[in-house]
């Protein structure tokens, strides 16, 4: 069964719903321009509401190293997710497992891009939209997901309860990452949409 990550949580209440659904990971966005950005104090509260076996992923976009280090000093993040133009040297400099996001521009070679991050624990493939860093709500051509990647692939971009089972069936990815597809408004999750999404992933695996 594909692993499930719900990203862009901004409230403890949403985190509690995600925990009740036993998702594999939740994502906290530390990128002020994003409507899903979470302040450090709120992030600490969210993490305190989670059970011990839920992985916590911290998302950063071309952040100053000092900022990442400051967040790590306050939060026990299991995985770092880098969503900008970060180099491999930067990504591994924090001594944590990390996932590198690759935005699927029309001219990008996914395997060549993945090869630039041999130290990554996984690669996240996301839709590309000029001027928007993640959370686009759009999907890319899933036929472009490589089947012979050296790294586990997490699929993102335009996923929701109606298409996620088909996405997994087509791509056979390690995991799926959803944000906008389970929201009632930007940064505010819908408990019902989260339930429907998780149900669709698990039903598709059966």
C-alpha atoms as a PDB file:
ATOM      1  CA  UNK A   1       0.000   0.000   0.000  1.00  0.00           C
ATOM      2  CA  UNK A   2       1.250   3.476  -0.846  1.00  0.00           C
ATOM      3  CA  UNK A   3       2.327   5.561   2.122  1.00  0.00           C
ATOM      4  CA  UNK A   4       0.188   8.619   2.881  1.00  0.00           C
ATOM      5  CA  UNK A   5       1.447  12.083   3.766  1.00  0.00           C
ATOM      6  CA  UNK A   6      -0.922  14.968   4.468  1.00  0.00           C
ATOM      7  CA  UNK A   7       0.961  18.220   4.056  1.00  0.00           C
ATOM      8  CA  UNK A   8       0.323  21.808   5.023  1.00  0.00           C
ATOM      9  CA  UNK A   9      -1.266  21.234   8.408  1.00  0.00           C
ATOM     10  CA  UNK A  10      -1.681  24.498  10.302  1.00  0.00           C
ATOM     11  CA  UNK A  11      -3.804  23.559  13.328  1.00  0.00           C
ATOM     12  CA  UNK A  12      -3.680  21.003  16.111  1.00  0.00           C
ATOM     13  CA  UNK A  13      -7.291  20.034  15.333  1.00  0.00           C
ATOM     14  CA  UNK A  14      -6.362  19.025  11.780  1.00  0.00           C
ATOM     15  CA  UNK A  15      -3.351  17.132  13.101  1.00  0.00           C
ATOM     16  CA  UNK A  16      -5.572  15.160  15.461  1.00  0.00           C
ATOM     17  CA  UNK A  17      -7.808  14.104  12.566  1.00  0.00           C
ATOM     18  CA  UNK A  18      -4.761  13.006  10.582  1.00  0.00           C
ATOM     19  CA  UNK A  19      -3.565  11.007  13.585  1.00  0.00           C
ATOM     20  CA  UNK A  20      -6.955   9.333  13.977  1.00  0.00           C
ATOM     21  CA  UNK A  21      -6.721   8.287  10.331  1.00  0.00           C
ATOM     22  CA  UNK A  22      -3.286   6.763  11.022  1.00  0.00           C
ATOM     23  CA  UNK A  23      -1.588   8.497   8.103  1.00  0.00           C
ATOM     24  CA  UNK A  24       2.091   7.713   7.737  1.00  0.00           C
ATOM     25  CA  UNK A  25       3.318  11.300   7.853  1.00  0.00           C
ATOM     26  CA  UNK A  26       2.198  14.877   8.241  1.00  0.00           C
ATOM     27  CA  UNK A  27       3.901  17.869   6.678  1.00  0.00           C
ATOM     28  CA  UNK A  28       4.570  21.226   8.288  1.00  0.00           C
ATOM     29  CA  UNK A  29       5.388  24.094   5.929  1.00  0.00           C
ATOM     30  CA  UNK A  30       8.060  26.535   7.087  1.00  0.00           C
ATOM     31  CA  UNK A  31       7.855  28.951   4.156  1.00  0.00           C
ATOM     32  CA  UNK A  32       6.287  32.334   5.012  1.00  0.00           C
ATOM     33  CA  UNK A  33       5.001  33.153   1.489  1.00  0.00           C
ATOM     34  CA  UNK A  34       2.835  30.012   1.556  1.00  0.00           C
ATOM     35  CA  UNK A  35      -0.767  30.204   2.797  1.00  0.00           C
ATOM     36  CA  UNK A  36       0.045  26.945   4.584  1.00  0.00           C
ATOM     37  CA  UNK A  37       2.988  28.369   6.479  1.00  0.00           C
ATOM     38  CA  UNK A  38       2.961  27.467  10.160  1.00  0.00           C
ATOM     39  CA  UNK A  39       4.567  29.490  12.921  1.00  0.00           C
ATOM     40  CA  UNK A  40       7.014  27.624  15.121  1.00  0.00           C
ATOM     41  CA  UNK A  41       4.869  27.904  18.257  1.00  0.00           C
ATOM     42  CA  UNK A  42       1.868  26.424  16.445  1.00  0.00           C
ATOM     43  CA  UNK A  43       4.074  23.687  14.979  1.00  0.00           C
ATOM     44  CA  UNK A  44       5.212  22.673  18.466  1.00  0.00           C
ATOM     45  CA  UNK A  45       1.565  22.397  19.547  1.00  0.00           C
ATOM     46  CA  UNK A  46       0.719  20.294  16.482  1.00  0.00           C
ATOM     47  CA  UNK A  47       3.594  17.888  17.080  1.00  0.00           C
ATOM     48  CA  UNK A  48       2.593  17.440  20.721  1.00  0.00           C
ATOM     49  CA  UNK A  49      -0.829  16.165  19.584  1.00  0.00           C
ATOM     50  CA  UNK A  50       0.591  13.420  17.384  1.00  0.00           C
ATOM     51  CA  UNK A  51       1.084   9.778  18.387  1.00  0.00           C
ATOM     52  CA  UNK A  52       4.649   8.426  18.446  1.00  0.00           C
ATOM     53  CA  UNK A  53       4.570   6.488  15.172  1.00  0.00           C
ATOM     54  CA  UNK A  54       3.457   9.370  12.930  1.00  0.00           C
ATOM     55  CA  UNK A  55       6.411  10.791  10.995  1.00  0.00           C
ATOM     56  CA  UNK A  56       6.805  14.562  11.005  1.00  0.00           C
ATOM     57  CA  UNK A  57       8.120  16.195   7.852  1.00  0.00           C
ATOM     58  CA  UNK A  58       9.334  19.790   7.791  1.00  0.00           C
ATOM     59  CA  UNK A  59       9.099  21.536   4.416  1.00  0.00           C
ATOM     60  CA  UNK A  60      11.538  24.325   3.533  1.00  0.00           C
ATOM     61  CA  UNK A  61      12.109  26.361   0.375  1.00  0.00           C
ATOM     62  CA  UNK A  62      15.612  27.740  -0.192  1.00  0.00           C
ATOM     63  CA  UNK A  63      15.779  28.591   3.503  1.00  0.00           C
ATOM     64  CA  UNK A  64      18.812  30.060   5.209  1.00  0.00           C
ATOM     65  CA  UNK A  65      20.629  27.242   7.033  1.00  0.00           C
ATOM     66  CA  UNK A  66      20.281  29.135  10.302  1.00  0.00           C
ATOM     67  CA  UNK A  67      16.494  29.068   9.965  1.00  0.00           C
ATOM     68  CA  UNK A  68      16.394  25.311   9.410  1.00  0.00           C
ATOM     69  CA  UNK A  69      18.724  24.807  12.365  1.00  0.00           C
ATOM     70  CA  UNK A  70      16.510  27.002  14.576  1.00  0.00           C
ATOM     71  CA  UNK A  71      13.433  24.938  13.681  1.00  0.00           C
ATOM     72  CA  UNK A  72      15.296  21.703  14.377  1.00  0.00           C
ATOM     73  CA  UNK A  73      16.288  23.040  17.792  1.00  0.00           C
ATOM     74  CA  UNK A  74      12.613  23.307  18.737  1.00  0.00           C
ATOM     75  CA  UNK A  75      11.059  20.401  16.840  1.00  0.00           C
ATOM     76  CA  UNK A  76      12.015  16.775  16.417  1.00  0.00           C
ATOM     77  CA  UNK A  77      11.483  16.464  12.665  1.00  0.00           C
ATOM     78  CA  UNK A  78      11.826  12.968  11.234  1.00  0.00           C
ATOM     79  CA  UNK A  79      12.376  14.046   7.636  1.00  0.00           C
ATOM     80  CA  UNK A  80      13.270  17.322   5.952  1.00  0.00           C
ATOM     81  CA  UNK A  81      11.612  18.161   2.648  1.00  0.00           C
ATOM     82  CA  UNK A  82      13.346  20.644   0.372  1.00  0.00           C
ATOM     83  CA  UNK A  83      11.142  22.224  -2.249  1.00  0.00           C
ATOM     84  CA  UNK A  84      13.397  24.815  -3.841  1.00  0.00           C
ATOM     85  CA  UNK A  85      16.652  24.820  -5.787  1.00  0.00           C
ATOM     86  CA  UNK A  86      18.726  23.378  -2.933  1.00  0.00           C
ATOM     87  CA  UNK A  87      21.895  21.462  -3.800  1.00  0.00           C
ATOM     88  CA  UNK A  88      22.590  17.984  -2.514  1.00  0.00           C
ATOM     89  CA  UNK A  89      25.357  19.366  -0.292  1.00  0.00           C
ATOM     90  CA  UNK A  90      22.891  21.760   1.317  1.00  0.00           C
ATOM     91  CA  UNK A  91      20.216  19.079   1.762  1.00  0.00           C
ATOM     92  CA  UNK A  92      22.503  16.662   3.572  1.00  0.00           C
ATOM     93  CA  UNK A  93      24.266  19.319   5.654  1.00  0.00           C
ATOM     94  CA  UNK A  94      21.696  19.062   8.476  1.00  0.00           C
ATOM     95  CA  UNK A  95      22.441  15.418   9.183  1.00  0.00           C
ATOM     96  CA  UNK A  96      18.804  14.354   8.777  1.00  0.00           C
ATOM     97  CA  UNK A  97      16.972  12.162   6.329  1.00  0.00           C
ATOM     98  CA  UNK A  98      15.594  14.303   3.560  1.00  0.00           C
ATOM     99  CA  UNK A  99      13.232  14.222   0.612  1.00  0.00           C
ATOM    100  CA  UNK A 100      13.961  16.423  -2.395  1.00  0.00           C
ATOM    101  CA  UNK A 101      11.082  17.787  -4.426  1.00  0.00           C
ATOM    102  CA  UNK A 102      11.428  17.958  -8.191  1.00  0.00           C
ATOM    103  CA  UNK A 103       8.961  20.107 -10.082  1.00  0.00           C
ATOM    104  CA  UNK A 104       8.033  18.380 -13.329  1.00  0.00           C
ATOM    105  CA  UNK A 105       8.735  21.025 -15.953  1.00  0.00           C
ATOM    106  CA  UNK A 106       8.008  19.947 -19.504  1.00  0.00           C
ATOM    107  CA  UNK A 107      11.698  19.720 -20.395  1.00  0.00           C
ATOM    108  CA  UNK A 108      13.001  18.050 -17.252  1.00  0.00           C
ATOM    109  CA  UNK A 109      14.504  14.556 -17.299  1.00  0.00           C
ATOM    110  CA  UNK A 110      13.249  13.007 -14.026  1.00  0.00           C
ATOM    111  CA  UNK A 111      15.956  10.347 -13.814  1.00  0.00           C
ATOM    112  CA  UNK A 112      18.724  12.885 -14.419  1.00  0.00           C
ATOM    113  CA  UNK A 113      17.244  15.166 -11.765  1.00  0.00           C
ATOM    114  CA  UNK A 114      16.935  12.314  -9.278  1.00  0.00           C
ATOM    115  CA  UNK A 115      20.563  11.333  -9.905  1.00  0.00           C
ATOM    116  CA  UNK A 116      21.668  14.722  -8.548  1.00  0.00           C
ATOM    117  CA  UNK A 117      20.516  13.699  -5.040  1.00  0.00           C
ATOM    118  CA  UNK A 118      22.071  10.286  -4.284  1.00  0.00           C
ATOM    119  CA  UNK A 119      21.873  10.946  -0.530  1.00  0.00           C
ATOM    120  CA  UNK A 120      18.106  11.589  -0.548  1.00  0.00           C
ATOM    121  CA  UNK A 121      15.834   9.151   1.262  1.00  0.00           C
ATOM    122  CA  UNK A 122      13.120   9.771  -1.323  1.00  0.00           C
ATOM    123  CA  UNK A 123      12.188  12.034  -4.218  1.00  0.00           C
ATOM    124  CA  UNK A 124       8.905  13.910  -4.429  1.00  0.00           C
ATOM    125  CA  UNK A 125       7.601  14.623  -7.920  1.00  0.00           C
ATOM    126  CA  UNK A 126       5.282  17.620  -8.049  1.00  0.00           C
ATOM    127  CA  UNK A 127       3.468  19.560 -10.733  1.00  0.00           C
ATOM    128  CA  UNK A 128       5.207  22.613 -12.151  1.00  0.00           C
ATOM    129  CA  UNK A 129       3.548  25.998 -12.286  1.00  0.00           C
ATOM    130  CA  UNK A 130       5.595  29.117 -12.932  1.00  0.00           C
ATOM    131  CA  UNK A 131       5.938  31.273  -9.840  1.00  0.00           C
ATOM    132  CA  UNK A 132       4.316  28.729  -7.530  1.00  0.00           C
ATOM    133  CA  UNK A 133       6.363  26.499  -5.228  1.00  0.00           C
ATOM    134  CA  UNK A 134       4.192  23.457  -4.508  1.00  0.00           C
ATOM    135  CA  UNK A 135       0.536  23.357  -3.560  1.00  0.00           C
ATOM    136  CA  UNK A 136      -0.504  24.155  -7.118  1.00  0.00           C
ATOM    137  CA  UNK A 137      -3.590  21.949  -7.081  1.00  0.00           C
ATOM    138  CA  UNK A 138      -2.686  20.759 -10.567  1.00  0.00           C
ATOM    139  CA  UNK A 139      -1.359  17.428 -11.741  1.00  0.00           C
ATOM    140  CA  UNK A 140       1.284  16.494 -14.279  1.00  0.00           C
ATOM    141  CA  UNK A 141       1.324  13.613 -16.739  1.00  0.00           C
ATOM    142  CA  UNK A 142       1.726  10.570 -14.522  1.00  0.00           C
ATOM    143  CA  UNK A 143       3.224   8.647 -17.444  1.00  0.00           C
ATOM    144  CA  UNK A 144       6.382  10.684 -16.792  1.00  0.00           C
ATOM    145  CA  UNK A 145       6.944   9.026 -13.407  1.00  0.00           C
ATOM    146  CA  UNK A 146       9.982   6.769 -13.905  1.00  0.00           C
ATOM    147  CA  UNK A 147       9.560   3.112 -13.087  1.00  0.00           C
ATOM    148  CA  UNK A 148      13.292   2.500 -12.637  1.00  0.00           C
ATOM    149  CA  UNK A 149      14.163   5.222 -10.151  1.00  0.00           C
ATOM    150  CA  UNK A 150      17.031   4.550  -7.768  1.00  0.00           C
ATOM    151  CA  UNK A 151      15.024   6.303  -5.046  1.00  0.00           C
ATOM    152  CA  UNK A 152      11.509   5.797  -3.645  1.00  0.00           C
ATOM    153  CA  UNK A 153       9.131   8.249  -5.309  1.00  0.00           C
ATOM    154  CA  UNK A 154       6.387  10.206  -3.600  1.00  0.00           C
ATOM    155  CA  UNK A 155       3.737  11.587  -5.936  1.00  0.00           C
ATOM    156  CA  UNK A 156       2.214  15.031  -5.415  1.00  0.00           C
ATOM    157  CA  UNK A 157       0.273  17.551  -7.442  1.00  0.00           C
ATOM    158  CA  UNK A 158      -3.493  17.735  -7.814  1.00  0.00           C
ATOM    159  CA  UNK A 159      -4.269  14.564  -5.878  1.00  0.00           C
ATOM    160  CA  UNK A 160      -7.652  14.069  -4.236  1.00  0.00           C
ATOM    161  CA  UNK A 161      -9.997  11.276  -3.198  1.00  0.00           C
ATOM    162  CA  UNK A 162     -11.344  10.940  -6.743  1.00  0.00           C
ATOM    163  CA  UNK A 163      -8.049  10.343  -8.534  1.00  0.00           C
ATOM    164  CA  UNK A 164      -5.530   9.023  -6.015  1.00  0.00           C
ATOM    165  CA  UNK A 165      -6.325   5.320  -6.499  1.00  0.00           C
ATOM    166  CA  UNK A 166      -5.862   5.709 -10.246  1.00  0.00           C
ATOM    167  CA  UNK A 167      -2.639   7.652  -9.697  1.00  0.00           C
ATOM    168  CA  UNK A 168      -1.187   4.889  -7.544  1.00  0.00           C
ATOM    169  CA  UNK A 169      -2.308   2.195  -9.975  1.00  0.00           C
ATOM    170  CA  UNK A 170      -0.627   3.978 -12.895  1.00  0.00           C
ATOM    171  CA  UNK A 171       2.616   4.923 -11.195  1.00  0.00           C
ATOM    172  CA  UNK A 172       3.188   2.307  -8.465  1.00  0.00           C
ATOM    173  CA  UNK A 173       4.817   5.005  -6.345  1.00  0.00           C
ATOM    174  CA  UNK A 174       6.093   4.537  -2.802  1.00  0.00           C
ATOM    175  CA  UNK A 175       3.818   7.234  -1.406  1.00  0.00           C
ATOM    176  CA  UNK A 176       1.378  10.040  -2.100  1.00  0.00           C
ATOM    177  CA  UNK A 177       1.429  13.567  -0.738  1.00  0.00           C
ATOM    178  CA  UNK A 178      -1.741  15.662  -0.557  1.00  0.00           C
ATOM    179  CA  UNK A 179      -2.398  19.207   0.581  1.00  0.00           C
ATOM    180  CA  UNK A 180      -4.901  21.242  -1.420  1.00  0.00           C
ATOM    181  CA  UNK A 181      -6.925  18.152  -2.298  1.00  0.00           C
ATOM    182  CA  UNK A 182      -8.048  17.785   1.323  1.00  0.00           C
ATOM    183  CA  UNK A 183      -8.703  21.444   2.113  1.00  0.00           C
ATOM    184  CA  UNK A 184     -11.857  23.474   2.577  1.00  0.00           C
ATOM    185  CA  UNK A 185      -9.781  26.634   2.024  1.00  0.00           C
ATOM    186  CA  UNK A 186      -6.057  27.290   1.675  1.00  0.00           C
ATOM    187  CA  UNK A 187      -4.349  26.234   4.886  1.00  0.00           C
ATOM    188  CA  UNK A 188      -7.542  24.835   6.430  1.00  0.00           C
ATOM    189  CA  UNK A 189      -8.109  21.101   6.082  1.00  0.00           C
ATOM    190  CA  UNK A 190     -11.449  19.371   5.719  1.00  0.00           C
ATOM    191  CA  UNK A 191     -11.815  16.402   8.064  1.00  0.00           C
ATOM    192  CA  UNK A 192     -14.179  14.692   5.616  1.00  0.00           C
ATOM    193  CA  UNK A 193     -11.853  15.179   2.653  1.00  0.00           C
ATOM    194  CA  UNK A 194      -8.960  13.770   4.653  1.00  0.00           C
ATOM    195  CA  UNK A 195     -11.058  10.725   5.538  1.00  0.00           C
ATOM    196  CA  UNK A 196     -12.169  10.268   1.942  1.00  0.00           C
ATOM    197  CA  UNK A 197      -8.600  10.518   0.677  1.00  0.00           C
ATOM    198  CA  UNK A 198      -7.232   7.954   3.112  1.00  0.00           C
ATOM    199  CA  UNK A 199     -10.158   5.635   2.392  1.00  0.00           C
ATOM    200  CA  UNK A 200      -9.518   5.895  -1.355  1.00  0.00           C
ATOM    201  CA  UNK A 201      -5.834   5.024  -0.976  1.00  0.00           C
ATOM    202  CA  UNK A 202      -6.561   2.025   1.211  1.00  0.00           C
ATOM    203  CA  UNK A 203      -9.487   0.814  -0.872  1.00  0.00           C
ATOM    204  CA  UNK A 204      -7.354   1.021  -3.983  1.00  0.00           C
ATOM    205  CA  UNK A 205      -4.740  -1.158  -2.331  1.00  0.00           C
ATOM    206  CA  UNK A 206      -7.339  -3.820  -1.645  1.00  0.00           C
END
